Amino acid sequence: MRLVDDEPDLPAQINIVPAIDIIFVILAFFILASLFLDRTEGLPVSLPNATTAQTQDRIPFTITLYPQGEIFLEGQLIGIDGLEGEIRSRMQSSSTVLVVLQADEEVRHGTVVEVMDRLRRIEGVNLAIATTALPSNP
């Protein structure tokens, strides 16, 4: 019978290799998830399709038009009468600004033309119309 332990006690150690494996799996998940994120400016609308659509690098202002006649500037509901003043007040720091017009497919053509006409009155406004790109036919 043995009463005295002849072997020395080893200090307890924490094995961090499994923790590192879990951290790398979580990191890989977030990297892959960020690749599939879709950044949209403005509010969700059903955009018309165009084969000549191009992606814009910088979109400072987005105007969204809905079929019910609602007009939003950067997500805030404004009326057609307040559009010019709001754009002018927001572009005080720059001489030119790009305004992207997101009009739902169901919006009346006259409403789109009226908004475009009011935007053209403002000096320094470059106007673009948002569309959904269609695959080009070879």
N, C-alpha and C. Protein backbone atom coordinates (compact mmCIF):
# COMPACT_ATOMS: atom_id res chain seq x y z
N MET A 1 0.84 -1.16 0.00
CA MET A 1 0.00 0.00 0.00
C MET A 1 0.89 1.24 0.00
N ARG A 2 0.53 2.17 -0.79
CA ARG A 2 1.34 3.35 -0.99
C ARG A 2 0.65 4.55 -0.37
N LEU A 3 1.31 5.22 0.51
CA LEU A 3 0.70 6.35 1.19
C LEU A 3 1.23 7.69 0.67
N VAL A 4 2.40 7.68 0.21
CA VAL A 4 3.02 8.93 -0.23
C VAL A 4 3.06 8.93 -1.76
N ASP A 5 2.64 10.05 -2.32
CA ASP A 5 2.65 10.18 -3.77
C ASP A 5 4.04 10.59 -4.19
N ASP A 6 4.69 9.70 -4.94
CA ASP A 6 6.06 9.97 -5.36
C ASP A 6 6.12 10.87 -6.60
N GLU A 7 5.04 10.95 -7.34
CA GLU A 7 5.06 11.77 -8.55
C GLU A 7 4.72 13.21 -8.21
N PRO A 8 5.50 14.15 -8.75
CA PRO A 8 5.20 15.56 -8.47
C PRO A 8 3.94 15.99 -9.23
N ASP A 9 3.17 16.89 -8.63
CA ASP A 9 1.96 17.40 -9.28
C ASP A 9 2.35 18.38 -10.38
N LEU A 10 1.78 18.19 -11.54
CA LEU A 10 2.01 19.11 -12.65
C LEU A 10 1.02 20.27 -12.53
N PRO A 11 1.47 21.47 -12.81
CA PRO A 11 0.53 22.61 -12.73
C PRO A 11 -0.55 22.48 -13.82
N ALA A 12 -1.74 22.94 -13.50
CA ALA A 12 -2.84 22.87 -14.46
C ALA A 12 -2.57 23.83 -15.61
N GLN A 13 -2.88 23.39 -16.82
CA GLN A 13 -2.68 24.22 -18.01
C GLN A 13 -3.99 24.32 -18.78
N ILE A 14 -4.17 25.46 -19.38
CA ILE A 14 -5.35 25.66 -20.22
C ILE A 14 -4.91 25.52 -21.67
N ASN A 15 -5.55 24.64 -22.37
CA ASN A 15 -5.24 24.42 -23.77
C ASN A 15 -6.08 25.39 -24.60
N ILE A 16 -5.42 26.34 -25.27
CA ILE A 16 -6.17 27.36 -26.01
C ILE A 16 -6.33 27.02 -27.49
N VAL A 17 -5.82 25.91 -27.93
CA VAL A 17 -5.95 25.54 -29.35
C VAL A 17 -7.41 25.41 -29.76
N PRO A 18 -8.28 24.74 -29.01
CA PRO A 18 -9.69 24.70 -29.42
C PRO A 18 -10.35 26.09 -29.44
N ALA A 19 -9.95 26.95 -28.51
CA ALA A 19 -10.52 28.30 -28.50
C ALA A 19 -10.10 29.07 -29.75
N ILE A 20 -8.86 28.91 -30.18
CA ILE A 20 -8.39 29.57 -31.40
C ILE A 20 -9.15 29.04 -32.61
N ASP A 21 -9.39 27.74 -32.65
CA ASP A 21 -10.16 27.16 -33.75
C ASP A 21 -11.56 27.77 -33.82
N ILE A 22 -12.20 27.92 -32.70
CA ILE A 22 -13.55 28.49 -32.67
C ILE A 22 -13.52 29.95 -33.12
N ILE A 23 -12.51 30.69 -32.69
CA ILE A 23 -12.41 32.10 -33.09
C ILE A 23 -12.23 32.21 -34.59
N PHE A 24 -11.41 31.35 -35.19
CA PHE A 24 -11.22 31.39 -36.64
C PHE A 24 -12.49 31.00 -37.40
N VAL A 25 -13.25 30.07 -36.88
CA VAL A 25 -14.52 29.70 -37.52
C VAL A 25 -15.49 30.88 -37.47
N ILE A 26 -15.56 31.55 -36.33
CA ILE A 26 -16.45 32.72 -36.21
C ILE A 26 -15.98 33.84 -37.14
N LEU A 27 -14.68 34.06 -37.22
CA LEU A 27 -14.13 35.08 -38.11
C LEU A 27 -14.46 34.76 -39.57
N ALA A 28 -14.29 33.50 -39.96
CA ALA A 28 -14.62 33.10 -41.33
C ALA A 28 -16.10 33.30 -41.61
N PHE A 29 -16.96 33.01 -40.64
CA PHE A 29 -18.40 33.22 -40.82
C PHE A 29 -18.71 34.68 -41.08
N PHE A 30 -18.14 35.58 -40.29
CA PHE A 30 -18.43 37.00 -40.47
C PHE A 30 -17.87 37.53 -41.79
N ILE A 31 -16.71 37.05 -42.19
CA ILE A 31 -16.15 37.49 -43.48
C ILE A 31 -17.05 37.04 -44.62
N LEU A 32 -17.46 35.78 -44.60
CA LEU A 32 -18.33 35.29 -45.67
C LEU A 32 -19.71 35.95 -45.63
N ALA A 33 -20.23 36.20 -44.45
CA ALA A 33 -21.53 36.86 -44.35
C ALA A 33 -21.47 38.28 -44.88
N SER A 34 -20.36 38.97 -44.65
CA SER A 34 -20.25 40.35 -45.13
C SER A 34 -20.16 40.42 -46.65
N LEU A 35 -19.69 39.36 -47.29
CA LEU A 35 -19.62 39.34 -48.75
C LEU A 35 -21.01 39.30 -49.38
N PHE A 36 -21.98 38.76 -48.67
CA PHE A 36 -23.31 38.62 -49.22
C PHE A 36 -24.26 39.73 -48.79
N LEU A 37 -23.75 40.72 -48.07
CA LEU A 37 -24.59 41.85 -47.67
C LEU A 37 -24.86 42.72 -48.89
N ASP A 38 -26.05 43.21 -48.98
CA ASP A 38 -26.44 44.07 -50.09
C ASP A 38 -26.74 45.45 -49.54
N ARG A 39 -25.89 46.38 -49.89
CA ARG A 39 -26.08 47.74 -49.38
C ARG A 39 -27.01 48.49 -50.32
N THR A 40 -28.11 48.94 -49.78
CA THR A 40 -29.05 49.70 -50.58
C THR A 40 -29.22 51.07 -49.99
N GLU A 41 -29.31 52.04 -50.85
CA GLU A 41 -29.55 53.41 -50.43
C GLU A 41 -31.03 53.70 -50.62
N GLY A 42 -31.61 54.39 -49.71
CA GLY A 42 -33.01 54.75 -49.86
C GLY A 42 -33.94 53.69 -49.33
N LEU A 43 -35.16 53.74 -49.78
CA LEU A 43 -36.21 52.85 -49.32
C LEU A 43 -36.46 51.78 -50.36
N PRO A 44 -37.02 50.64 -49.96
CA PRO A 44 -37.23 49.56 -50.92
C PRO A 44 -38.37 49.88 -51.89
N VAL A 45 -38.06 49.85 -53.18
CA VAL A 45 -39.06 50.03 -54.23
C VAL A 45 -38.78 49.01 -55.32
N SER A 46 -39.73 48.81 -56.18
CA SER A 46 -39.56 47.92 -57.32
C SER A 46 -39.02 48.74 -58.48
N LEU A 47 -37.69 48.69 -58.69
CA LEU A 47 -37.05 49.50 -59.71
C LEU A 47 -37.26 48.89 -61.09
N PRO A 48 -37.35 49.73 -62.12
CA PRO A 48 -37.42 49.21 -63.48
C PRO A 48 -36.07 48.62 -63.89
N ASN A 49 -36.08 47.78 -64.91
CA ASN A 49 -34.86 47.14 -65.39
C ASN A 49 -34.27 47.92 -66.56
N ALA A 50 -32.94 47.85 -66.71
CA ALA A 50 -32.26 48.49 -67.83
C ALA A 50 -30.99 47.72 -68.13
N THR A 51 -30.73 47.49 -69.42
CA THR A 51 -29.52 46.77 -69.80
C THR A 51 -28.29 47.67 -69.73
N THR A 52 -28.47 48.98 -69.75
CA THR A 52 -27.34 49.90 -69.70
C THR A 52 -27.09 50.47 -68.31
N ALA A 53 -27.65 49.84 -67.29
CA ALA A 53 -27.49 50.34 -65.91
C ALA A 53 -26.04 50.27 -65.48
N GLN A 54 -25.60 51.29 -64.74
CA GLN A 54 -24.23 51.35 -64.24
C GLN A 54 -24.27 51.61 -62.74
N THR A 55 -23.28 51.07 -62.04
CA THR A 55 -23.18 51.27 -60.61
C THR A 55 -22.47 52.59 -60.33
N GLN A 56 -23.03 53.37 -59.40
CA GLN A 56 -22.42 54.64 -59.01
C GLN A 56 -21.58 54.42 -57.76
N ASP A 57 -20.40 55.06 -57.73
CA ASP A 57 -19.51 54.89 -56.58
C ASP A 57 -20.01 55.63 -55.35
N ARG A 58 -20.49 56.84 -55.52
CA ARG A 58 -20.89 57.65 -54.37
C ARG A 58 -22.28 58.21 -54.62
N ILE A 59 -23.17 58.00 -53.69
CA ILE A 59 -24.55 58.48 -53.82
C ILE A 59 -24.86 59.36 -52.61
N PRO A 60 -24.75 60.69 -52.77
CA PRO A 60 -25.01 61.54 -51.62
C PRO A 60 -26.48 61.66 -51.25
N PHE A 61 -27.37 61.84 -52.21
CA PHE A 61 -28.79 62.02 -51.91
C PHE A 61 -29.62 61.04 -52.73
N THR A 62 -30.60 60.44 -52.08
CA THR A 62 -31.52 59.53 -52.76
C THR A 62 -32.94 60.02 -52.54
N ILE A 63 -33.66 60.19 -53.64
CA ILE A 63 -35.07 60.56 -53.58
C ILE A 63 -35.86 59.34 -54.02
N THR A 64 -36.82 58.93 -53.20
CA THR A 64 -37.62 57.75 -53.48
C THR A 64 -39.06 58.17 -53.72
N LEU A 65 -39.63 57.68 -54.83
CA LEU A 65 -41.02 57.98 -55.19
C LEU A 65 -41.84 56.71 -55.12
N TYR A 66 -43.00 56.80 -54.49
CA TYR A 66 -43.92 55.67 -54.38
C TYR A 66 -45.16 55.93 -55.22
N PRO A 67 -45.85 54.87 -55.64
CA PRO A 67 -47.05 55.03 -56.47
C PRO A 67 -48.15 55.85 -55.79
N GLN A 68 -48.19 55.87 -54.47
CA GLN A 68 -49.22 56.62 -53.75
C GLN A 68 -48.95 58.12 -53.77
N GLY A 69 -47.82 58.54 -54.35
CA GLY A 69 -47.49 59.96 -54.42
C GLY A 69 -46.56 60.42 -53.32
N GLU A 70 -46.10 59.51 -52.47
CA GLU A 70 -45.19 59.88 -51.39
C GLU A 70 -43.79 60.09 -51.95
N ILE A 71 -43.12 61.12 -51.45
CA ILE A 71 -41.75 61.43 -51.86
C ILE A 71 -40.89 61.45 -50.61
N PHE A 72 -39.80 60.68 -50.65
CA PHE A 72 -38.87 60.58 -49.52
C PHE A 72 -37.50 61.09 -49.96
N LEU A 73 -36.86 61.87 -49.10
CA LEU A 73 -35.48 62.29 -49.31
C LEU A 73 -34.66 61.67 -48.20
N GLU A 74 -33.78 60.75 -48.57
CA GLU A 74 -32.94 60.04 -47.59
C GLU A 74 -33.78 59.41 -46.49
N GLY A 75 -34.92 58.84 -46.86
CA GLY A 75 -35.76 58.13 -45.91
C GLY A 75 -36.73 59.00 -45.13
N GLN A 76 -36.71 60.31 -45.35
CA GLN A 76 -37.62 61.22 -44.64
C GLN A 76 -38.70 61.68 -45.60
N LEU A 77 -39.93 61.58 -45.17
CA LEU A 77 -41.07 61.99 -45.99
C LEU A 77 -41.08 63.51 -46.16
N ILE A 78 -41.07 63.94 -47.43
CA ILE A 78 -41.18 65.37 -47.74
C ILE A 78 -42.18 65.52 -48.86
N GLY A 79 -42.71 66.69 -49.02
CA GLY A 79 -43.64 66.95 -50.11
C GLY A 79 -42.90 67.46 -51.33
N ILE A 80 -43.60 67.51 -52.45
CA ILE A 80 -43.00 68.01 -53.68
C ILE A 80 -42.61 69.48 -53.53
N ASP A 81 -43.35 70.23 -52.72
CA ASP A 81 -43.05 71.65 -52.54
C ASP A 81 -41.81 71.87 -51.68
N GLY A 82 -41.50 70.97 -50.79
CA GLY A 82 -40.33 71.13 -49.92
C GLY A 82 -39.07 70.53 -50.49
N LEU A 83 -39.15 69.93 -51.67
CA LEU A 83 -38.00 69.22 -52.25
C LEU A 83 -36.85 70.15 -52.57
N GLU A 84 -37.12 71.23 -53.29
CA GLU A 84 -36.05 72.15 -53.70
C GLU A 84 -35.34 72.75 -52.49
N GLY A 85 -36.10 73.25 -51.55
CA GLY A 85 -35.50 73.87 -50.37
C GLY A 85 -34.66 72.91 -49.56
N GLU A 86 -35.12 71.68 -49.44
CA GLU A 86 -34.39 70.68 -48.66
C GLU A 86 -33.07 70.32 -49.35
N ILE A 87 -33.10 70.16 -50.67
CA ILE A 87 -31.86 69.85 -51.41
C ILE A 87 -30.89 71.02 -51.31
N ARG A 88 -31.39 72.23 -51.49
CA ARG A 88 -30.52 73.41 -51.40
C ARG A 88 -29.87 73.52 -50.01
N SER A 89 -30.63 73.27 -48.97
CA SER A 89 -30.07 73.38 -47.62
C SER A 89 -29.05 72.29 -47.34
N ARG A 90 -29.22 71.13 -47.94
CA ARG A 90 -28.28 70.03 -47.69
C ARG A 90 -27.01 70.13 -48.52
N MET A 91 -27.05 70.87 -49.62
CA MET A 91 -25.86 70.93 -50.48
C MET A 91 -25.07 72.21 -50.30
N GLN A 92 -25.22 72.90 -49.21
CA GLN A 92 -24.51 74.15 -48.99
C GLN A 92 -23.00 73.97 -48.97
N SER A 93 -22.53 72.83 -48.52
CA SER A 93 -21.08 72.63 -48.40
C SER A 93 -20.41 72.26 -49.71
N SER A 94 -21.17 71.81 -50.71
CA SER A 94 -20.56 71.41 -51.97
C SER A 94 -21.24 72.13 -53.13
N SER A 95 -20.46 72.35 -54.20
CA SER A 95 -21.00 73.07 -55.34
C SER A 95 -21.82 72.15 -56.26
N THR A 96 -21.44 70.87 -56.33
CA THR A 96 -22.21 69.92 -57.13
C THR A 96 -22.56 68.72 -56.28
N VAL A 97 -23.68 68.12 -56.59
CA VAL A 97 -24.14 66.96 -55.83
C VAL A 97 -24.88 66.02 -56.78
N LEU A 98 -24.75 64.73 -56.52
CA LEU A 98 -25.47 63.73 -57.31
C LEU A 98 -26.75 63.36 -56.56
N VAL A 99 -27.87 63.46 -57.26
CA VAL A 99 -29.16 63.08 -56.69
C VAL A 99 -29.68 61.89 -57.48
N VAL A 100 -29.91 60.78 -56.79
CA VAL A 100 -30.40 59.57 -57.44
C VAL A 100 -31.90 59.48 -57.21
N LEU A 101 -32.63 59.33 -58.29
CA LEU A 101 -34.09 59.25 -58.25
C LEU A 101 -34.50 57.79 -58.33
N GLN A 102 -35.07 57.28 -57.24
CA GLN A 102 -35.57 55.91 -57.17
C GLN A 102 -37.08 55.97 -57.29
N ALA A 103 -37.58 55.67 -58.47
CA ALA A 103 -39.03 55.71 -58.67
C ALA A 103 -39.54 54.29 -58.89
N ASP A 104 -40.55 53.91 -58.15
CA ASP A 104 -41.19 52.61 -58.32
C ASP A 104 -41.73 52.52 -59.74
N GLU A 105 -41.79 51.30 -60.27
CA GLU A 105 -42.29 51.10 -61.64
C GLU A 105 -43.71 51.63 -61.81
N GLU A 106 -44.48 51.64 -60.75
CA GLU A 106 -45.89 52.03 -60.82
C GLU A 106 -46.12 53.53 -60.66
N VAL A 107 -45.07 54.31 -60.42
CA VAL A 107 -45.22 55.76 -60.26
C VAL A 107 -45.59 56.37 -61.60
N ARG A 108 -46.53 57.33 -61.57
CA ARG A 108 -46.95 58.01 -62.79
C ARG A 108 -45.78 58.75 -63.42
N HIS A 109 -45.71 58.72 -64.72
CA HIS A 109 -44.64 59.38 -65.46
C HIS A 109 -44.63 60.88 -65.16
N GLY A 110 -45.81 61.47 -65.05
CA GLY A 110 -45.90 62.90 -64.77
C GLY A 110 -45.28 63.28 -63.44
N THR A 111 -45.40 62.42 -62.45
CA THR A 111 -44.80 62.70 -61.14
C THR A 111 -43.28 62.68 -61.24
N VAL A 112 -42.75 61.70 -61.97
CA VAL A 112 -41.29 61.60 -62.14
C VAL A 112 -40.77 62.84 -62.87
N VAL A 113 -41.47 63.25 -63.92
CA VAL A 113 -41.05 64.43 -64.69
C VAL A 113 -41.11 65.69 -63.82
N GLU A 114 -42.13 65.81 -62.99
CA GLU A 114 -42.25 66.99 -62.12
C GLU A 114 -41.10 67.05 -61.12
N VAL A 115 -40.74 65.90 -60.54
CA VAL A 115 -39.62 65.87 -59.59
C VAL A 115 -38.32 66.20 -60.31
N MET A 116 -38.12 65.63 -61.50
CA MET A 116 -36.91 65.92 -62.27
C MET A 116 -36.83 67.40 -62.64
N ASP A 117 -37.96 67.99 -63.01
CA ASP A 117 -38.00 69.40 -63.37
C ASP A 117 -37.60 70.28 -62.19
N ARG A 118 -38.10 69.95 -61.02
CA ARG A 118 -37.76 70.73 -59.82
C ARG A 118 -36.28 70.57 -59.46
N LEU A 119 -35.73 69.38 -59.68
CA LEU A 119 -34.32 69.16 -59.38
C LEU A 119 -33.42 69.89 -60.38
N ARG A 120 -33.86 70.00 -61.62
CA ARG A 120 -33.06 70.70 -62.64
C ARG A 120 -33.00 72.20 -62.38
N ARG A 121 -33.92 72.75 -61.63
CA ARG A 121 -33.89 74.17 -61.28
C ARG A 121 -32.74 74.51 -60.35
N ILE A 122 -32.23 73.52 -59.65
CA ILE A 122 -31.17 73.74 -58.67
C ILE A 122 -29.83 73.63 -59.37
N GLU A 123 -29.05 74.70 -59.31
CA GLU A 123 -27.74 74.70 -59.95
C GLU A 123 -26.79 73.78 -59.20
N GLY A 124 -26.07 72.94 -59.93
CA GLY A 124 -25.09 72.03 -59.34
C GLY A 124 -25.63 70.64 -59.04
N VAL A 125 -26.87 70.37 -59.39
CA VAL A 125 -27.44 69.04 -59.16
C VAL A 125 -27.24 68.18 -60.40
N ASN A 126 -26.58 67.06 -60.21
CA ASN A 126 -26.47 66.05 -61.26
C ASN A 126 -27.50 64.98 -60.95
N LEU A 127 -28.31 64.66 -61.93
CA LEU A 127 -29.44 63.77 -61.72
C LEU A 127 -29.15 62.39 -62.31
N ALA A 128 -29.48 61.36 -61.55
CA ALA A 128 -29.36 59.97 -62.01
C ALA A 128 -30.64 59.24 -61.65
N ILE A 129 -30.99 58.25 -62.46
CA ILE A 129 -32.19 57.45 -62.22
C ILE A 129 -31.76 56.04 -61.87
N ALA A 130 -32.23 55.53 -60.74
CA ALA A 130 -31.87 54.18 -60.29
C ALA A 130 -32.68 53.15 -61.06
N THR A 131 -32.00 52.12 -61.53
CA THR A 131 -32.64 50.99 -62.21
C THR A 131 -32.01 49.70 -61.70
N THR A 132 -32.58 48.59 -62.08
CA THR A 132 -32.01 47.29 -61.79
C THR A 132 -31.35 46.78 -63.06
N ALA A 133 -30.09 46.38 -62.96
CA ALA A 133 -29.35 45.94 -64.14
C ALA A 133 -29.85 44.58 -64.62
N LEU A 134 -30.08 44.49 -65.92
CA LEU A 134 -30.42 43.22 -66.55
C LEU A 134 -29.16 42.64 -67.16
N PRO A 135 -29.05 41.32 -67.23
CA PRO A 135 -27.88 40.74 -67.90
C PRO A 135 -27.92 41.09 -69.38
N SER A 136 -26.78 41.49 -69.92
CA SER A 136 -26.74 41.87 -71.33
C SER A 136 -26.72 40.62 -72.20
N ASN A 137 -27.35 40.72 -73.36
CA ASN A 137 -27.39 39.61 -74.31
C ASN A 137 -26.20 39.72 -75.24
N PRO A 138 -25.38 38.65 -75.35
CA PRO A 138 -24.20 38.72 -76.22
C PRO A 138 -24.56 38.68 -77.68
